[in-house]
Protein backbone atom coordinates (compact mmCIF):
# COMPACT_ATOMS: atom_id res chain seq x y z
CA MET A 1 52.45 88.32 63.82
CA ASP A 2 53.55 91.15 61.51
CA LEU A 3 50.76 93.60 60.76
CA THR A 4 50.72 96.77 58.70
CA PRO A 5 49.79 100.00 60.52
CA GLU A 6 46.39 99.87 58.76
CA ALA A 7 45.77 96.34 60.03
CA GLN A 8 46.84 97.29 63.56
CA ASN A 9 44.44 100.23 63.62
CA LEU A 10 41.67 98.03 62.22
CA ALA A 11 42.29 95.40 64.91
CA VAL A 12 41.70 98.02 67.62
CA ILE A 13 38.56 99.29 65.87
CA VAL A 14 37.13 95.80 65.39
CA ALA A 15 37.80 94.93 69.05
CA ALA A 16 36.01 98.10 70.16
CA VAL A 17 33.06 97.39 67.86
CA ILE A 18 32.75 93.85 69.22
CA VAL A 19 32.73 95.15 72.81
CA LEU A 20 30.04 97.69 71.94
CA TRP A 21 27.97 95.03 70.18
CA PHE A 22 28.19 92.69 73.15
CA THR A 23 27.39 95.36 75.72
CA GLU A 24 24.88 97.20 73.50
CA ALA A 25 26.14 100.47 74.99
CA LEU A 26 25.11 102.04 71.68
CA PRO A 27 22.45 100.89 69.21
CA LEU A 28 23.93 98.16 67.00
CA ALA A 29 23.50 100.19 63.81
CA VAL A 30 25.17 103.22 65.40
CA THR A 31 28.12 101.06 66.42
CA ALA A 32 28.43 99.74 62.84
CA LEU A 33 28.48 103.31 61.48
CA LEU A 34 30.97 104.37 64.15
CA GLY A 35 33.28 101.52 63.19
CA ALA A 36 33.15 102.45 59.51
CA ALA A 37 33.77 106.13 60.23
CA ALA A 38 36.68 105.28 62.56
CA CYS A 39 38.30 103.29 59.75
CA VAL A 40 38.41 106.45 57.63
CA VAL A 41 39.56 108.71 60.47
CA PHE A 42 42.42 106.40 61.47
CA GLY A 43 43.60 105.78 57.92
CA VAL A 44 42.61 102.13 57.50
CA ALA A 45 41.24 102.87 54.02
CA PRO A 46 39.81 105.80 52.01
CA ALA A 47 36.18 106.76 52.60
CA LYS A 48 35.12 105.56 49.15
CA GLU A 49 36.45 102.07 49.89
CA VAL A 50 35.10 101.91 53.44
CA PHE A 51 31.55 102.96 52.55
CA ARG A 52 31.27 100.99 49.29
CA PRO A 53 29.61 97.98 51.02
CA PHE A 54 26.70 100.23 52.03
CA ALA A 55 25.73 100.18 48.34
CA ASP A 56 26.26 96.43 47.93
CA PRO A 57 23.57 94.77 45.76
CA LEU A 58 22.45 92.75 48.78
CA ILE A 59 21.50 96.03 50.48
CA PHE A 60 18.81 96.44 47.84
CA LEU A 61 17.66 92.87 48.43
CA PHE A 62 17.11 93.98 52.03
CA ILE A 63 15.21 97.08 50.98
CA GLY A 64 12.95 95.32 48.50
CA SER A 65 12.25 92.48 50.92
CA PHE A 66 11.37 94.90 53.73
CA LEU A 67 8.88 96.72 51.49
CA LEU A 68 7.21 93.45 50.44
CA ALA A 69 7.09 92.21 54.04
CA GLU A 70 5.53 95.45 55.22
CA ALA A 71 2.83 95.20 52.53
CA ILE A 72 2.06 91.63 53.61
CA ARG A 73 1.72 92.78 57.22
CA LEU A 74 -0.21 95.93 56.35
CA HIS A 75 -2.84 94.04 54.36
CA ARG A 76 -2.98 91.14 56.85
CA LEU A 77 -1.96 88.42 54.42
CA ASP A 78 0.13 86.89 57.20
CA ARG A 79 -3.00 86.47 59.33
CA ARG A 80 -4.84 84.88 56.42
CA LEU A 81 -2.09 82.27 56.21
CA ALA A 82 -2.10 81.68 59.96
CA TYR A 83 -5.83 81.14 60.28
CA ALA A 84 -5.96 79.08 57.09
CA VAL A 85 -3.45 76.60 58.56
CA LEU A 86 -5.17 76.55 61.96
CA ALA A 87 -8.49 75.86 60.22
CA VAL A 88 -7.21 72.72 58.46
CA PRO A 89 -9.47 69.84 59.62
CA TRP A 90 -6.44 67.70 60.57
CA VAL A 91 -5.45 70.26 63.21
CA GLY A 92 -8.81 70.29 64.96
CA GLU A 93 -8.60 70.92 68.70
CA LYS A 94 -5.86 68.45 69.66
CA PRO A 95 -3.08 70.20 71.64
CA SER A 96 -0.14 68.55 69.87
CA ARG A 97 -1.58 69.36 66.44
CA ILE A 98 -2.27 72.97 67.40
CA LEU A 99 1.34 73.24 68.56
CA ALA A 100 2.49 71.77 65.24
CA ALA A 101 0.25 74.18 63.30
CA VAL A 102 1.68 77.17 65.18
CA ALA A 103 5.18 75.95 64.32
CA VAL A 104 4.29 75.51 60.63
CA VAL A 105 2.73 78.96 60.34
CA SER A 106 5.66 80.62 62.14
CA ILE A 107 8.20 78.83 59.93
CA LEU A 108 6.39 79.56 56.66
CA THR A 109 5.86 83.22 57.53
CA SER A 110 9.37 83.90 58.81
CA ALA A 111 10.86 82.35 55.67
CA PHE A 112 9.81 85.49 53.79
CA ILE A 113 9.17 88.26 56.31
CA SER A 114 10.98 89.42 59.42
CA ASN A 115 11.32 86.87 62.21
CA THR A 116 10.46 89.63 64.67
CA VAL A 117 7.28 90.61 62.81
CA THR A 118 6.32 86.95 62.59
CA ALA A 119 6.77 86.49 66.34
CA ALA A 120 4.73 89.60 67.13
CA MET A 121 1.91 88.55 64.80
CA MET A 122 1.80 84.97 66.10
CA LEU A 123 1.91 86.16 69.71
CA ALA A 124 -1.35 88.06 69.15
CA ILE A 125 -2.97 85.06 67.46
CA VAL A 126 -1.87 82.54 70.10
CA THR A 127 -2.94 84.88 72.90
CA GLY A 128 -6.42 84.94 71.34
CA ILE A 129 -6.46 81.16 71.04
CA LEU A 130 -5.50 80.71 74.68
CA ALA A 131 -8.12 83.24 75.78
CA ALA A 132 -10.78 81.25 73.94
CA VAL A 133 -9.54 77.96 75.37
CA GLU A 134 -9.37 79.27 78.94
CA GLU A 135 -13.06 80.16 78.80
CA ALA A 136 -13.87 76.45 78.64
CA SER A 137 -15.05 74.51 81.66
CA PRO A 138 -12.38 74.08 84.36
CA GLY A 139 -12.01 70.38 83.68
CA ARG A 140 -11.21 70.99 80.00
CA ARG A 141 -8.63 73.77 80.38
CA PRO A 142 -5.02 72.99 79.42
CA ALA A 143 -2.23 72.98 81.98
CA PRO A 144 -0.42 76.33 82.34
CA ALA A 145 2.70 74.67 80.90
CA PHE A 146 0.97 74.33 77.54
CA ALA A 147 0.79 78.11 77.16
CA THR A 148 4.53 78.26 77.86
CA GLY A 149 5.14 75.68 75.14
CA LEU A 150 3.01 77.57 72.61
CA PHE A 151 4.79 80.87 73.22
CA LEU A 152 8.22 79.24 73.06
CA CYS A 153 7.14 77.55 69.83
CA ILE A 154 6.46 80.97 68.29
CA ALA A 155 9.92 82.31 69.07
CA PHE A 156 11.91 79.20 68.21
CA ALA A 157 9.96 78.39 65.03
CA ALA A 158 10.32 81.98 63.77
CA SER A 159 14.10 81.74 64.16
CA ILE A 160 14.18 78.33 62.47
CA GLY A 161 11.99 79.48 59.58
CA GLY A 162 14.35 82.37 58.90
CA LEU A 163 16.96 79.86 57.75
CA ALA A 164 14.82 78.61 54.86
CA THR A 165 15.44 81.40 52.33
CA PRO A 166 18.16 83.98 51.72
CA ILE A 167 15.78 86.75 52.80
CA GLY A 168 14.44 84.91 55.85
CA THR A 169 16.84 86.71 58.16
CA PRO A 170 19.57 89.31 57.65
CA THR A 171 22.07 86.79 58.99
CA ASN A 172 21.71 84.75 55.79
CA LEU A 173 22.55 87.74 53.65
CA ILE A 174 25.59 88.49 55.80
CA GLY A 175 26.93 85.02 55.08
CA LEU A 176 26.04 85.20 51.39
CA GLY A 177 27.81 88.54 51.13
CA PHE A 178 31.04 87.15 52.56
CA LEU A 179 30.81 84.06 50.36
CA ARG A 180 30.53 86.18 47.24
CA LYS A 181 33.00 88.91 48.19
CA GLU A 182 35.80 86.87 49.76
CA LEU A 183 35.44 83.45 48.16
CA GLY A 184 33.79 84.19 44.81
CA VAL A 185 31.02 81.69 45.60
CA HIS A 186 27.52 82.68 44.49
CA VAL A 187 24.66 80.70 46.02
CA SER A 188 21.38 81.19 44.14
CA PHE A 189 17.99 81.60 45.80
CA PRO A 190 16.84 78.02 45.01
CA GLY A 191 20.32 76.73 45.84
CA TRP A 192 20.15 78.20 49.34
CA CYS A 193 16.63 76.85 49.82
CA GLY A 194 17.70 73.38 48.68
CA LEU A 195 20.54 73.38 51.21
CA CYS A 196 18.61 74.81 54.15
CA LEU A 197 15.15 73.23 53.82
CA PRO A 198 16.36 69.91 55.28
CA VAL A 199 17.73 71.82 58.28
CA VAL A 200 14.42 73.65 58.72
CA VAL A 201 12.29 70.50 58.38
CA ILE A 202 14.42 68.51 60.82
CA LEU A 203 14.65 71.29 63.41
CA GLY A 204 10.94 72.12 63.07
CA THR A 205 9.98 68.49 63.67
CA ILE A 206 12.32 68.19 66.65
CA LEU A 207 11.00 71.50 68.03
CA VAL A 208 7.42 70.24 68.14
CA ALA A 209 8.49 66.92 69.69
CA VAL A 210 10.60 68.57 72.39
CA LEU A 211 8.00 71.18 73.37
CA SER A 212 5.18 68.60 73.38
CA ARG A 213 7.22 66.49 75.76
CA LEU A 214 8.35 69.30 78.06
CA PHE A 215 5.09 71.27 78.16
CA PRO A 216 2.09 68.88 77.91
CA ALA A 217 -1.44 70.24 77.81
CA GLY A 218 -2.83 67.65 80.21
CA VAL A 219 -6.08 67.36 78.20
CA ASP A 220 -6.98 65.56 74.99
CA ARG A 221 -8.95 68.41 73.42
CA LEU A 222 -8.89 72.21 73.58
CA GLU A 223 -12.48 73.36 73.43
CA GLY A 224 -13.07 76.72 71.82
CA VAL A 225 -10.17 76.77 69.34
CA GLY A 226 -12.29 75.82 66.34
CA ALA A 227 -14.91 78.49 67.05
CA PHE A 228 -12.24 81.13 67.65
CA VAL A 229 -10.49 80.41 64.35
CA ARG A 230 -13.77 80.44 62.42
CA ASP A 231 -14.74 83.78 63.93
CA GLU A 232 -11.36 85.34 63.14
CA ARG A 233 -11.46 84.12 59.53
CA ARG A 234 -14.93 85.55 59.19
CA ARG A 235 -13.69 88.92 60.46
CA LEU A 236 -11.00 88.98 57.78
CA GLY A 237 -13.76 88.93 55.14
CA PRO A 238 -13.23 88.37 51.42
CA TRP A 239 -9.96 89.18 49.68
CA THR A 240 -9.53 92.87 48.98
CA THR A 241 -7.95 94.43 45.90
CA SER A 242 -4.91 95.47 47.94
CA GLN A 243 -4.44 91.92 49.19
CA ARG A 244 -4.63 90.50 45.67
CA SER A 245 -2.16 93.08 44.38
CA THR A 246 0.25 92.40 47.23
CA ALA A 247 0.01 88.66 46.66
CA ALA A 248 0.65 89.20 42.94
CA ALA A 249 3.72 91.39 43.59
CA PHE A 250 5.08 88.85 46.06
CA GLY A 251 4.42 85.94 43.70
CA ILE A 252 6.17 87.70 40.82
CA THR A 253 9.15 88.46 43.06
CA ILE A 254 9.43 84.82 44.14
CA ALA A 255 9.34 83.79 40.47
CA LEU A 256 12.10 86.26 39.63
CA TRP A 257 14.18 84.85 42.48
CA VAL A 258 13.84 81.19 41.57
CA VAL A 259 13.68 81.16 37.75
CA PRO A 260 17.38 82.05 37.20
CA GLY A 261 18.43 79.16 39.42
CA PHE A 262 16.18 76.68 37.65
CA VAL A 263 17.42 77.85 34.24
CA LEU A 264 21.00 77.48 35.47
CA VAL A 265 20.35 73.89 36.53
CA ALA A 266 18.38 72.97 33.42
CA ALA A 267 20.47 74.69 30.74
CA GLY A 268 23.90 74.85 32.37
CA PRO A 269 26.03 77.84 33.40
CA ASP A 270 27.28 78.49 29.85
CA HIS A 271 23.84 78.84 28.27
CA PRO A 272 23.11 82.42 27.09
CA ALA A 273 19.77 82.51 28.94
CA ALA A 274 21.38 81.44 32.23
CA ALA A 275 24.16 84.01 31.83
CA TRP A 276 21.69 86.78 30.96
CA LEU A 277 19.49 86.06 33.97
CA ARG A 278 22.48 85.83 36.29
CA ASP A 279 23.91 89.16 35.11
CA ARG A 280 20.71 91.14 34.54
CA LEU A 281 18.39 89.80 37.21
CA PRO A 282 20.23 89.24 40.51
CA GLU A 283 18.19 88.79 43.67
CA GLY A 284 18.52 92.44 44.70
CA VAL A 285 17.13 93.71 41.39
CA ALA A 286 14.28 91.19 41.53
CA ALA A 287 13.35 92.39 45.03
CA ILE A 288 13.35 96.03 43.93
CA LEU A 289 11.19 95.27 40.87
CA GLY A 290 8.71 93.33 43.01
CA ALA A 291 8.56 96.13 45.58
CA ILE A 292 7.98 98.73 42.86
CA LEU A 293 4.93 96.77 41.72
CA LEU A 294 3.34 97.57 45.08
CA PHE A 295 3.26 101.25 44.07
CA ILE A 296 1.83 100.46 40.62
CA LEU A 297 -0.81 97.77 41.19
CA PRO A 298 -4.28 98.92 42.31
CA GLY A 299 -5.37 99.07 45.94
CA ASP A 300 -8.70 99.54 47.69
CA ARG A 301 -11.09 102.44 47.17
CA GLY A 302 -10.99 105.19 49.77
CA PRO A 303 -13.98 106.88 51.44
CA ASP A 304 -14.11 109.33 48.52
CA GLY A 305 -14.47 106.48 46.02
CA ARG A 306 -11.01 106.96 44.51
CA ARG A 307 -8.85 103.88 44.09
CA SER A 308 -5.38 104.03 45.65
CA ARG A 309 -2.30 101.95 44.95
CA ALA A 310 -1.58 98.74 46.84
CA VAL A 311 0.94 100.60 49.02
CA ALA A 312 1.40 104.35 49.49
CA TRP A 313 4.88 105.70 50.05
CA ARG A 314 3.92 106.97 53.52
CA ASP A 315 3.19 103.35 54.47
CA ALA A 316 6.47 102.00 53.10
CA LYS A 317 8.64 101.06 56.05
CA ILE A 318 12.24 99.87 55.87
CA ASP A 319 14.21 98.57 58.83
CA TRP A 320 17.15 100.92 58.38
CA ASP A 321 18.76 99.59 61.58
CA VAL A 322 19.35 96.24 59.89
CA VAL A 323 20.45 97.85 56.61
CA LEU A 324 23.05 100.02 58.34
CA LEU A 325 24.19 97.19 60.59
CA TYR A 326 24.68 94.97 57.56
CA GLY A 327 26.55 97.67 55.64
CA GLY A 328 28.85 98.46 58.56
CA GLY A 329 29.50 94.81 59.35
CA LEU A 330 30.28 93.98 55.72
CA ALA A 331 32.61 96.99 55.51
CA LEU A 332 34.61 95.83 58.54
CA GLY A 333 34.68 92.28 57.21
CA GLU A 334 36.02 93.35 53.81
CA LEU A 335 38.67 95.53 55.43
CA CYS A 336 39.80 92.60 57.57
CA PHE A 337 40.68 90.78 54.36
CA SER A 338 42.06 93.71 52.34
CA THR A 339 44.43 94.80 55.15
CA GLY A 340 45.60 91.25 55.87
CA LEU A 341 44.18 91.23 59.40
CA ALA A 342 41.93 88.21 58.76
CA ALA A 343 44.77 86.21 57.20
CA ALA A 344 47.06 87.00 60.11
CA ALA A 345 44.40 85.96 62.62
CA GLY A 346 43.84 82.76 60.69
CA ARG A 347 47.53 81.90 60.69
CA ALA A 348 47.77 82.63 64.42
CA ILE A 349 45.13 80.06 65.38
CA THR A 350 45.58 77.41 62.69
CA GLY A 351 47.02 75.14 65.35
CA TRP A 352 43.51 74.60 66.65
CA ILE A 353 42.41 72.98 63.38
CA PRO A 354 43.93 69.63 62.32
CA ASP A 355 45.38 69.34 58.83
CA GLY A 356 44.35 66.78 56.28
CA PRO A 357 40.97 65.16 55.61
CA TRP A 358 39.56 66.10 59.02
CA ALA A 359 40.18 69.83 58.61
CA THR A 360 36.75 70.62 57.15
CA THR A 361 34.89 68.53 59.72
CA ALA A 362 36.76 70.13 62.62
CA LEU A 363 36.31 73.67 61.33
CA VAL A 364 32.61 73.23 60.53
CA ALA A 365 32.00 71.85 64.02
CA THR A 366 34.04 74.63 65.64
CA ALA A 367 32.35 77.36 63.58
CA THR A 368 28.91 76.02 64.46
CA VAL A 369 29.55 75.88 68.20
CA VAL A 370 31.22 79.31 68.34
CA ALA A 371 28.40 80.94 66.35
CA VAL A 372 25.72 79.38 68.57
CA VAL A 373 27.44 80.48 71.77
CA THR A 374 28.09 83.98 70.43
CA SER A 375 24.48 84.40 69.34
CA GLU A 376 23.32 83.78 72.90
CA PHE A 377 24.94 87.01 74.02
CA THR A 378 24.62 89.35 71.05
CA SER A 379 22.37 89.79 68.01
CA ASN A 380 22.37 87.14 65.30
CA VAL A 381 23.60 89.66 62.74
CA ALA A 382 26.47 90.78 64.96
CA SER A 383 27.35 87.15 65.65
CA ALA A 384 27.54 86.33 61.94
CA THR A 385 29.50 89.51 61.21
CA MET A 386 32.10 88.58 63.82
CA VAL A 387 32.37 84.82 63.28
CA VAL A 388 32.07 84.30 59.50
CA PRO A 389 35.17 86.34 58.47
CA ILE A 390 37.31 84.58 61.08
CA VAL A 391 36.09 81.19 59.92
CA ILE A 392 36.87 82.02 56.30
CA ALA A 393 40.38 83.15 57.26
CA LEU A 394 40.92 79.95 59.25
CA ALA A 395 39.78 77.84 56.31
CA GLN A 396 42.09 79.67 53.93
CA ALA A 397 45.03 79.05 56.28
CA THR A 398 44.30 75.30 56.40
CA GLU A 399 42.99 72.71 53.97
CA ALA A 400 39.37 73.16 55.09
CA ASN A 401 36.38 73.88 52.85
CA ALA A 402 35.90 77.63 53.39
CA PRO A 403 32.36 77.93 51.90
CA ALA A 404 31.09 75.03 54.03
CA ALA A 405 32.53 76.52 57.21
CA ALA A 406 31.12 79.96 56.38
CA VAL A 407 27.62 78.56 55.73
CA ALA A 408 27.73 76.56 58.98
CA ALA A 409 28.64 79.68 60.96
CA THR A 410 25.93 81.69 59.16
CA LEU A 411 23.18 79.19 59.96
CA ALA A 412 24.31 78.60 63.53
CA ALA A 413 24.30 82.33 64.24
CA SER A 414 20.50 82.23 63.88
CA LEU A 415 20.06 79.79 66.76
CA GLY A 416 20.61 81.24 70.23
CA PHE A 417 17.41 79.92 71.85
CA MET A 418 18.33 80.09 75.54
CA MET A 419 18.04 83.72 76.62
CA PRO A 420 15.46 86.50 76.17
CA VAL A 421 18.28 88.73 74.88
CA SER A 422 19.43 86.17 72.32
CA SER A 423 16.96 87.36 69.68
CA PRO A 424 14.03 89.78 69.35
CA CYS A 425 11.74 86.75 68.93
CA ASN A 426 12.74 85.44 72.35
CA ALA A 427 12.33 88.88 73.89
CA ILE A 428 8.84 89.32 72.42
CA VAL A 429 7.42 86.07 73.76
CA TYR A 430 9.23 86.40 77.09
CA GLY A 431 7.48 89.75 77.50
CA SER A 432 4.15 87.91 77.57
CA GLY A 433 4.87 87.06 81.21
CA ARG A 434 3.93 83.43 80.68
CA ILE A 435 7.40 81.99 80.13
CA PRO A 436 9.57 81.21 83.18
CA LEU A 437 13.20 81.96 82.41
CA ARG A 438 14.14 78.45 83.50
CA ALA A 439 11.78 76.97 80.91
CA MET A 440 13.28 79.06 78.10
CA MET A 441 16.84 78.19 79.13
CA ALA A 442 16.16 74.45 79.49
CA SER A 443 14.31 74.00 76.21
CA GLY A 444 16.59 76.46 74.44
CA ALA A 445 19.72 74.60 75.53
CA ILE A 446 18.33 71.34 74.13
CA LEU A 447 17.52 72.97 70.80
CA ASP A 448 20.88 74.76 70.66
CA VAL A 449 22.72 71.44 70.96
CA ILE A 450 20.45 69.62 68.51
CA GLY A 451 20.52 72.55 66.10
CA ALA A 452 24.32 72.68 66.10
CA VAL A 453 24.52 68.95 65.36
CA VAL A 454 21.92 69.13 62.57
CA ILE A 455 23.51 72.15 60.91
CA ALA A 456 27.00 70.65 61.03
CA ALA A 457 25.76 67.32 59.65
CA VAL A 458 23.78 68.85 56.77
CA VAL A 459 26.55 71.27 55.80
CA LEU A 460 29.17 68.50 55.86
CA ALA A 461 26.90 66.34 53.70
CA ALA A 462 26.66 69.20 51.19
CA ALA A 463 30.32 70.26 51.48
CA GLY A 464 31.17 68.90 48.04
CA TRP A 465 28.57 71.20 46.47
CA LEU A 466 29.79 74.26 48.39
CA VAL A 467 32.94 74.96 46.42
């Protein structure tokens, strides 16, 4: 395998970065920055080329989304959604329906805000529900296993919900970035949702069925849940001005994300309106405009009677760890292609993938399994950053559908249900002390296998569209 000196140096740097990501000897974002800096120091590429991905438009989609998510959390709109779903009469006090409601809330919330934030918020809510239930008479209390099932439902549903939208998890944006940069394939916001919603619905349904079976409540009714939910909704009080402004900013942002895709479908790619929206209103710009509205729209009145804005700059929080990790990972991925390292790696292992009509099926299945296994031992973002470029290179060296394989690897990198270290969501609920490690590993292994099969099947079904 003939490699240029730049590619050889990059191979060493990438190997070192992967080791550091797996071992977490340094913070993941620091490792990403170190890898980018090393590429400049060892002559892989000039600094301007190496650091260009840190200003990628998707970076600003991250930033805008983080600001909107923080406003939703700050003004407790996420809790309004959670208690509204739990208060639906159909849910009542039946254990299986409460489990399903927790899954629905976790999935809906994590589709738009951080999976980790969703898990933390739902952990507090479910802990309160269980406290209310456990005050019931001894004969009406649920089995301890039911609490395990509820907490596992939070973590697993939050990870599943992140698949639903491009902003649901940084992993999605990693995959979208590689699709656009290396393959010239642009997947719109509604296009991604249309592809991934079937995966989310199927996995969410299977999640509830599996956890209900493995962790039964042992009682027909959980006394105290209805009263607890009513009390919590009463504490939230009427909608405030800040909540209305945040909801308006979020609603406008969602509209800006989905309208270009609908116009594209309705009018066609050559229509002037579709071209204008595609060029002038990409997802990153829409996110920034929506976030800016938070600093313009009115908020609540302070103790002095003066009205503030919906969000003050001191309250604006951005997860810079994820932003820097994404920028560094995308930089290394782009350099793998520009130096020829990815192509060389693809040619070296093409023997693993059969030629002909089965190439796409084999590569999608392989990419899915590798991404799932990798995500069990390192972060989802690091898993996607490592696996997606290799998969694209493999596809380019064979007759496989590269976009389909890249999407499969992207989605599968968000699984990793077995271990507390597999995702922050798992770590958060495991920290409750009410989840035996064996229970997480057993249920997580089942969902890993089912998730891999579902993702591969859905992506293969949509492979003709992903070109």
